[in-house]
């Protein structure tokens, strides 16, 4: 997220994908709690910088 600090004119940040935006999972961690913590951090950044953050989610890319 260092990019946003140098781009004061930015109004939209697209994160592809959410999984790449958070740190590694803890061995016995709670997935929901870890996701909430990540989202709170990104929400704070968005509010402080007055930007919209869009997360992309990809469904299974497997071709039948």
Protein backbone atom coordinates (compact mmCIF):
# COMPACT_ATOMS: atom_id res chain seq x y z
CA UNK A 1 0.00 0.00 0.00
CA UNK A 2 3.01 2.30 -0.18
CA UNK A 3 1.80 3.29 -3.64
CA UNK A 4 -1.13 5.28 -2.23
CA UNK A 5 1.14 7.44 -0.07
CA UNK A 6 2.86 8.85 -3.16
CA UNK A 7 -0.36 9.37 -5.15
CA UNK A 8 -2.40 12.09 -3.44
CA UNK A 9 -4.62 12.40 -6.54
CA UNK A 10 -5.75 8.74 -6.40
CA UNK A 11 -9.45 8.17 -5.80
CA UNK A 12 -9.77 4.47 -6.60
CA UNK A 13 -7.59 1.55 -5.52
CA UNK A 14 -8.27 -1.89 -7.01
CA UNK A 15 -6.93 -4.88 -5.11
CA UNK A 16 -6.67 -8.11 -7.06
CA UNK A 17 -7.24 -10.24 -5.04
CA UNK A 18 -8.08 -9.87 -1.37
CA UNK A 19 -5.90 -12.87 -0.54
CA UNK A 20 -2.84 -11.10 -1.89
CA UNK A 21 -3.61 -8.06 0.25
CA UNK A 22 -3.20 -9.74 3.61
CA UNK A 23 -0.34 -11.43 5.35
CA UNK A 24 0.12 -15.17 5.64
CA UNK A 25 -2.48 -17.11 7.60
CA UNK A 26 -1.62 -18.18 11.14
CA UNK A 27 -1.40 -21.94 11.67
CA UNK A 28 -4.26 -22.03 14.18
CA UNK A 29 -5.74 -18.65 13.33
CA UNK A 30 -9.37 -17.80 12.80
CA UNK A 31 -9.91 -16.99 9.10
CA UNK A 32 -12.83 -14.66 9.79
CA UNK A 33 -10.98 -12.68 12.48
CA UNK A 34 -7.91 -12.35 10.27
CA UNK A 35 -10.04 -11.09 7.36
CA UNK A 36 -11.78 -8.57 9.61
CA UNK A 37 -8.43 -7.27 10.81
CA UNK A 38 -7.25 -6.86 7.22
CA UNK A 39 -10.46 -5.10 6.20
CA UNK A 40 -10.29 -2.73 9.18
CA UNK A 41 -6.76 -1.72 8.22
CA UNK A 42 -7.72 -1.12 4.59
CA UNK A 43 -10.90 0.73 5.59
CA UNK A 44 -8.87 3.05 7.80
CA UNK A 45 -6.47 3.70 4.91
CA UNK A 46 -9.38 4.42 2.55
CA UNK A 47 -10.95 6.85 5.00
CA UNK A 48 -7.68 8.61 5.77
CA UNK A 49 -6.81 8.98 2.07
CA UNK A 50 -10.39 9.55 0.92
CA UNK A 51 -10.25 6.80 -1.70
CA UNK A 52 -12.55 4.00 -2.75
CA UNK A 53 -11.10 0.49 -2.44
CA UNK A 54 -12.43 -2.22 -4.72
CA UNK A 55 -11.57 -5.85 -4.05
CA UNK A 56 -11.73 -8.37 -6.86
CA UNK A 57 -12.81 -11.90 -6.14
CA UNK A 58 -12.26 -14.65 -8.66
CA UNK A 59 -14.40 -17.73 -8.77
CA UNK A 60 -12.84 -21.06 -9.64
CA UNK A 61 -10.93 -20.63 -12.89
CA UNK A 62 -11.10 -24.34 -13.67
CA UNK A 63 -12.38 -24.97 -17.20
CA UNK A 64 -14.84 -27.84 -17.62
